[in-house]
Amino acid sequence: MSTLEKKRFNQWTLLAAATGYSAVYCKKVVNGDRSQTSKGGRVIMDKYQEFLKLINA
């Protein structure tokens, strides 16, 4: 019988896949190095908040 193991996902890779922006840009926006109020920054922060809700649920 095989065992299923949880896959560890890089949060920046998931955020990049969900938003269409690069993982590096997503990381910089969330960490505050780039603007969170720009068009892309708002999209990234919205998705990030959704991910946090899923993780903490």
PDB file of N, CA and C in Angstrom:
ATOM      1  N   MET A   1       0.836  -1.160   0.000  1.00  0.00           N
ATOM      2  CA  MET A   1       0.000   0.000   0.000  1.00  0.00           C
ATOM      3  C   MET A   1       0.895   1.242   0.000  1.00  0.00           C
ATOM      4  N   SER A   2       0.569   2.169  -0.850  1.00  0.00           N
ATOM      5  CA  SER A   2       1.364   3.391  -0.901  1.00  0.00           C
ATOM      6  C   SER A   2       0.784   4.425   0.057  1.00  0.00           C
ATOM      7  N   THR A   3       1.643   5.241   0.567  1.00  0.00           N
ATOM      8  CA  THR A   3       1.185   6.297   1.465  1.00  0.00           C
ATOM      9  C   THR A   3       1.209   7.611   0.714  1.00  0.00           C
ATOM     10  N   LEU A   4       0.216   8.406   0.978  1.00  0.00           N
ATOM     11  CA  LEU A   4       0.155   9.723   0.360  1.00  0.00           C
ATOM     12  C   LEU A   4       0.780  10.731   1.305  1.00  0.00           C
ATOM     13  N   GLU A   5       1.696  11.480   0.790  1.00  0.00           N
ATOM     14  CA  GLU A   5       2.338  12.496   1.596  1.00  0.00           C
ATOM     15  C   GLU A   5       1.872  13.859   1.122  1.00  0.00           C
ATOM     16  N   LYS A   6       1.777  14.769   2.057  1.00  0.00           N
ATOM     17  CA  LYS A   6       1.418  16.128   1.683  1.00  0.00           C
ATOM     18  C   LYS A   6       2.562  16.734   0.882  1.00  0.00           C
ATOM     19  N   LYS A   7       2.199  17.413  -0.174  1.00  0.00           N
ATOM     20  CA  LYS A   7       3.215  18.129  -0.933  1.00  0.00           C
ATOM     21  C   LYS A   7       3.436  19.483  -0.286  1.00  0.00           C
ATOM     22  N   ARG A   8       4.667  19.860  -0.236  1.00  0.00           N
ATOM     23  CA  ARG A   8       4.981  21.196   0.254  1.00  0.00           C
ATOM     24  C   ARG A   8       5.043  22.127  -0.937  1.00  0.00           C
ATOM     25  N   PHE A   9       4.270  23.170  -0.886  1.00  0.00           N
ATOM     26  CA  PHE A   9       4.243  24.133  -1.972  1.00  0.00           C
ATOM     27  C   PHE A   9       4.890  25.428  -1.519  1.00  0.00           C
ATOM     28  N   ASN A  10       5.616  26.016  -2.396  1.00  0.00           N
ATOM     29  CA  ASN A  10       6.191  27.317  -2.135  1.00  0.00           C
ATOM     30  C   ASN A  10       5.072  28.341  -2.290  1.00  0.00           C
ATOM     31  N   GLN A  11       4.823  29.126  -1.255  1.00  0.00           N
ATOM     32  CA  GLN A  11       3.717  30.072  -1.304  1.00  0.00           C
ATOM     33  C   GLN A  11       3.882  31.101  -2.416  1.00  0.00           C
ATOM     34  N   TRP A  12       5.112  31.442  -2.752  1.00  0.00           N
ATOM     35  CA  TRP A  12       5.320  32.440  -3.808  1.00  0.00           C
ATOM     36  C   TRP A  12       4.995  31.840  -5.166  1.00  0.00           C
ATOM     37  N   THR A  13       5.289  30.565  -5.359  1.00  0.00           N
ATOM     38  CA  THR A  13       4.964  29.889  -6.612  1.00  0.00           C
ATOM     39  C   THR A  13       3.455  29.784  -6.774  1.00  0.00           C
ATOM     40  N   LEU A  14       2.757  29.442  -5.703  1.00  0.00           N
ATOM     41  CA  LEU A  14       1.296  29.372  -5.754  1.00  0.00           C
ATOM     42  C   LEU A  14       0.691  30.736  -6.035  1.00  0.00           C
ATOM     43  N   LEU A  15       1.208  31.752  -5.383  1.00  0.00           N
ATOM     44  CA  LEU A  15       0.701  33.108  -5.579  1.00  0.00           C
ATOM     45  C   LEU A  15       0.961  33.574  -7.004  1.00  0.00           C
ATOM     46  N   ALA A  16       2.124  33.236  -7.535  1.00  0.00           N
ATOM     47  CA  ALA A  16       2.451  33.599  -8.912  1.00  0.00           C
ATOM     48  C   ALA A  16       1.523  32.894  -9.895  1.00  0.00           C
ATOM     49  N   ALA A  17       1.235  31.635  -9.652  1.00  0.00           N
ATOM     50  CA  ALA A  17       0.340  30.885 -10.537  1.00  0.00           C
ATOM     51  C   ALA A  17      -1.077  31.438 -10.481  1.00  0.00           C
ATOM     52  N   ALA A  18      -1.505  31.890  -9.318  1.00  0.00           N
ATOM     53  CA  ALA A  18      -2.869  32.392  -9.154  1.00  0.00           C
ATOM     54  C   ALA A  18      -3.048  33.794  -9.726  1.00  0.00           C
ATOM     55  N   THR A  19      -1.975  34.584  -9.748  1.00  0.00           N
ATOM     56  CA  THR A  19      -2.101  35.979 -10.169  1.00  0.00           C
ATOM     57  C   THR A  19      -1.542  36.257 -11.554  1.00  0.00           C
ATOM     58  N   GLY A  20      -0.615  35.436 -12.002  1.00  0.00           N
ATOM     59  CA  GLY A  20       0.010  35.682 -13.293  1.00  0.00           C
ATOM     60  C   GLY A  20       1.255  36.553 -13.211  1.00  0.00           C
ATOM     61  N   TYR A  21       1.616  36.973 -12.017  1.00  0.00           N
ATOM     62  CA  TYR A  21       2.831  37.758 -11.816  1.00  0.00           C
ATOM     63  C   TYR A  21       3.955  36.823 -11.370  1.00  0.00           C
ATOM     64  N   SER A  22       5.192  37.290 -11.472  1.00  0.00           N
ATOM     65  CA  SER A  22       6.318  36.427 -11.115  1.00  0.00           C
ATOM     66  C   SER A  22       6.368  36.194  -9.607  1.00  0.00           C
ATOM     67  N   ALA A  23       6.967  35.076  -9.229  1.00  0.00           N
ATOM     68  CA  ALA A  23       7.081  34.720  -7.814  1.00  0.00           C
ATOM     69  C   ALA A  23       7.928  35.741  -7.061  1.00  0.00           C
ATOM     70  N   VAL A  24       8.955  36.262  -7.705  1.00  0.00           N
ATOM     71  CA  VAL A  24       9.824  37.255  -7.064  1.00  0.00           C
ATOM     72  C   VAL A  24       9.044  38.540  -6.802  1.00  0.00           C
ATOM     73  N   TYR A  25       8.244  38.968  -7.787  1.00  0.00           N
ATOM     74  CA  TYR A  25       7.434  40.176  -7.621  1.00  0.00           C
ATOM     75  C   TYR A  25       6.403  39.976  -6.510  1.00  0.00           C
ATOM     76  N   CYS A  26       5.770  38.814  -6.470  1.00  0.00           N
ATOM     77  CA  CYS A  26       4.793  38.516  -5.418  1.00  0.00           C
ATOM     78  C   CYS A  26       5.440  38.601  -4.041  1.00  0.00           C
ATOM     79  N   LYS A  27       6.620  38.026  -3.919  1.00  0.00           N
ATOM     80  CA  LYS A  27       7.325  38.046  -2.634  1.00  0.00           C
ATOM     81  C   LYS A  27       7.654  39.477  -2.219  1.00  0.00           C
ATOM     82  N   LYS A  28       8.116  40.292  -3.165  1.00  0.00           N
ATOM     83  CA  LYS A  28       8.465  41.675  -2.850  1.00  0.00           C
ATOM     84  C   LYS A  28       7.242  42.490  -2.451  1.00  0.00           C
ATOM     85  N   VAL A  29       6.110  42.258  -3.115  1.00  0.00           N
ATOM     86  CA  VAL A  29       4.885  42.987  -2.771  1.00  0.00           C
ATOM     87  C   VAL A  29       4.430  42.620  -1.367  1.00  0.00           C
ATOM     88  N   VAL A  30       4.386  41.334  -1.060  1.00  0.00           N
ATOM     89  CA  VAL A  30       3.918  40.891   0.255  1.00  0.00           C
ATOM     90  C   VAL A  30       4.867  41.358   1.357  1.00  0.00           C
ATOM     91  N   ASN A  31       6.161  41.359   1.092  1.00  0.00           N
ATOM     92  CA  ASN A  31       7.144  41.792   2.091  1.00  0.00           C
ATOM     93  C   ASN A  31       7.243  43.305   2.209  1.00  0.00           C
ATOM     94  N   GLY A  32       6.604  44.048   1.302  1.00  0.00           N
ATOM     95  CA  GLY A  32       6.597  45.502   1.386  1.00  0.00           C
ATOM     96  C   GLY A  32       7.697  46.190   0.609  1.00  0.00           C
ATOM     97  N   ASP A  33       8.470  45.451  -0.169  1.00  0.00           N
ATOM     98  CA  ASP A  33       9.529  46.063  -0.963  1.00  0.00           C
ATOM     99  C   ASP A  33       8.984  46.751  -2.212  1.00  0.00           C
ATOM    100  N   ARG A  34       7.807  46.330  -2.661  1.00  0.00           N
ATOM    101  CA  ARG A  34       7.135  46.943  -3.808  1.00  0.00           C
ATOM    102  C   ARG A  34       5.762  47.432  -3.356  1.00  0.00           C
ATOM    103  N   SER A  35       5.158  48.297  -4.160  1.00  0.00           N
ATOM    104  CA  SER A  35       3.887  48.918  -3.799  1.00  0.00           C
ATOM    105  C   SER A  35       2.747  47.902  -3.712  1.00  0.00           C
ATOM    106  N   GLN A  36       2.012  47.963  -2.619  1.00  0.00           N
ATOM    107  CA  GLN A  36       0.847  47.100  -2.442  1.00  0.00           C
ATOM    108  C   GLN A  36      -0.424  47.775  -2.936  1.00  0.00           C
ATOM    109  N   THR A  37      -0.326  49.038  -3.340  1.00  0.00           N
ATOM    110  CA  THR A  37      -1.504  49.769  -3.796  1.00  0.00           C
ATOM    111  C   THR A  37      -1.569  49.891  -5.311  1.00  0.00           C
ATOM    112  N   SER A  38      -0.556  49.408  -6.005  1.00  0.00           N
ATOM    113  CA  SER A  38      -0.590  49.421  -7.468  1.00  0.00           C
ATOM    114  C   SER A  38      -1.584  48.375  -7.957  1.00  0.00           C
ATOM    115  N   LYS A  39      -1.857  48.391  -9.251  1.00  0.00           N
ATOM    116  CA  LYS A  39      -2.819  47.439  -9.822  1.00  0.00           C
ATOM    117  C   LYS A  39      -2.406  45.998  -9.519  1.00  0.00           C
ATOM    118  N   GLY A  40      -1.171  45.653  -9.830  1.00  0.00           N
ATOM    119  CA  GLY A  40      -0.676  44.304  -9.577  1.00  0.00           C
ATOM    120  C   GLY A  40      -0.565  44.002  -8.099  1.00  0.00           C
ATOM    121  N   GLY A  41      -0.155  44.994  -7.329  1.00  0.00           N
ATOM    122  CA  GLY A  41      -0.020  44.816  -5.890  1.00  0.00           C
ATOM    123  C   GLY A  41      -1.344  44.494  -5.221  1.00  0.00           C
ATOM    124  N   ARG A  42      -2.408  45.157  -5.669  1.00  0.00           N
ATOM    125  CA  ARG A  42      -3.739  44.888  -5.103  1.00  0.00           C
ATOM    126  C   ARG A  42      -4.199  43.476  -5.430  1.00  0.00           C
ATOM    127  N   VAL A  43      -3.947  43.032  -6.677  1.00  0.00           N
ATOM    128  CA  VAL A  43      -4.330  41.672  -7.081  1.00  0.00           C
ATOM    129  C   VAL A  43      -3.584  40.652  -6.228  1.00  0.00           C
ATOM    130  N   ILE A  44      -2.292  40.861  -6.056  1.00  0.00           N
ATOM    131  CA  ILE A  44      -1.465  39.942  -5.271  1.00  0.00           C
ATOM    132  C   ILE A  44      -1.919  39.906  -3.816  1.00  0.00           C
ATOM    133  N   MET A  45      -2.165  41.067  -3.226  1.00  0.00           N
ATOM    134  CA  MET A  45      -2.578  41.107  -1.826  1.00  0.00           C
ATOM    135  C   MET A  45      -3.957  40.483  -1.623  1.00  0.00           C
ATOM    136  N   ASP A  46      -4.868  40.665  -2.586  1.00  0.00           N
ATOM    137  CA  ASP A  46      -6.191  40.030  -2.491  1.00  0.00           C
ATOM    138  C   ASP A  46      -6.063  38.513  -2.485  1.00  0.00           C
ATOM    139  N   LYS A  47      -5.256  37.973  -3.405  1.00  0.00           N
ATOM    140  CA  LYS A  47      -5.055  36.520  -3.463  1.00  0.00           C
ATOM    141  C   LYS A  47      -4.332  36.020  -2.220  1.00  0.00           C
ATOM    142  N   TYR A  48      -3.382  36.802  -1.734  1.00  0.00           N
ATOM    143  CA  TYR A  48      -2.642  36.415  -0.537  1.00  0.00           C
ATOM    144  C   TYR A  48      -3.585  36.309   0.660  1.00  0.00           C
ATOM    145  N   GLN A  49      -4.502  37.262   0.790  1.00  0.00           N
ATOM    146  CA  GLN A  49      -5.482  37.218   1.877  1.00  0.00           C
ATOM    147  C   GLN A  49      -6.387  35.999   1.748  1.00  0.00           C
ATOM    148  N   GLU A  50      -6.761  35.635   0.513  1.00  0.00           N
ATOM    149  CA  GLU A  50      -7.565  34.429   0.292  1.00  0.00           C
ATOM    150  C   GLU A  50      -6.798  33.179   0.736  1.00  0.00           C
ATOM    151  N   PHE A  51      -5.510  33.115   0.386  1.00  0.00           N
ATOM    152  CA  PHE A  51      -4.686  31.977   0.790  1.00  0.00           C
ATOM    153  C   PHE A  51      -4.586  31.883   2.310  1.00  0.00           C
ATOM    154  N   LEU A  52      -4.424  33.020   2.973  1.00  0.00           N
ATOM    155  CA  LEU A  52      -4.333  33.013   4.433  1.00  0.00           C
ATOM    156  C   LEU A  52      -5.623  32.504   5.063  1.00  0.00           C
ATOM    157  N   LYS A  53      -6.761  32.887   4.493  1.00  0.00           N
ATOM    158  CA  LYS A  53      -8.046  32.402   5.013  1.00  0.00           C
ATOM    159  C   LYS A  53      -8.148  30.889   4.863  1.00  0.00           C
ATOM    160  N   LEU A  54      -7.694  30.360   3.727  1.00  0.00           N
ATOM    161  CA  LEU A  54      -7.749  28.915   3.502  1.00  0.00           C
ATOM    162  C   LEU A  54      -6.827  28.160   4.454  1.00  0.00           C
ATOM    163  N   ILE A  55      -5.661  28.711   4.679  1.00  0.00           N
ATOM    164  CA  ILE A  55      -4.683  28.056   5.549  1.00  0.00           C
ATOM    165  C   ILE A  55      -5.156  28.064   6.996  1.00  0.00           C
ATOM    166  N   ASN A  56      -5.734  29.167   7.427  1.00  0.00           N
ATOM    167  CA  ASN A  56      -6.152  29.307   8.826  1.00  0.00           C
ATOM    168  C   ASN A  56      -7.526  28.720   9.106  1.00  0.00           C
ATOM    169  N   ALA A  57      -8.217  28.271   8.070  1.00  0.00           N
ATOM    170  CA  ALA A  57      -9.581  27.746   8.273  1.00  0.00           C
ATOM    171  C   ALA A  57      -9.585  26.381   8.897  1.00  0.00           C
TER     172      ALA A  57
END
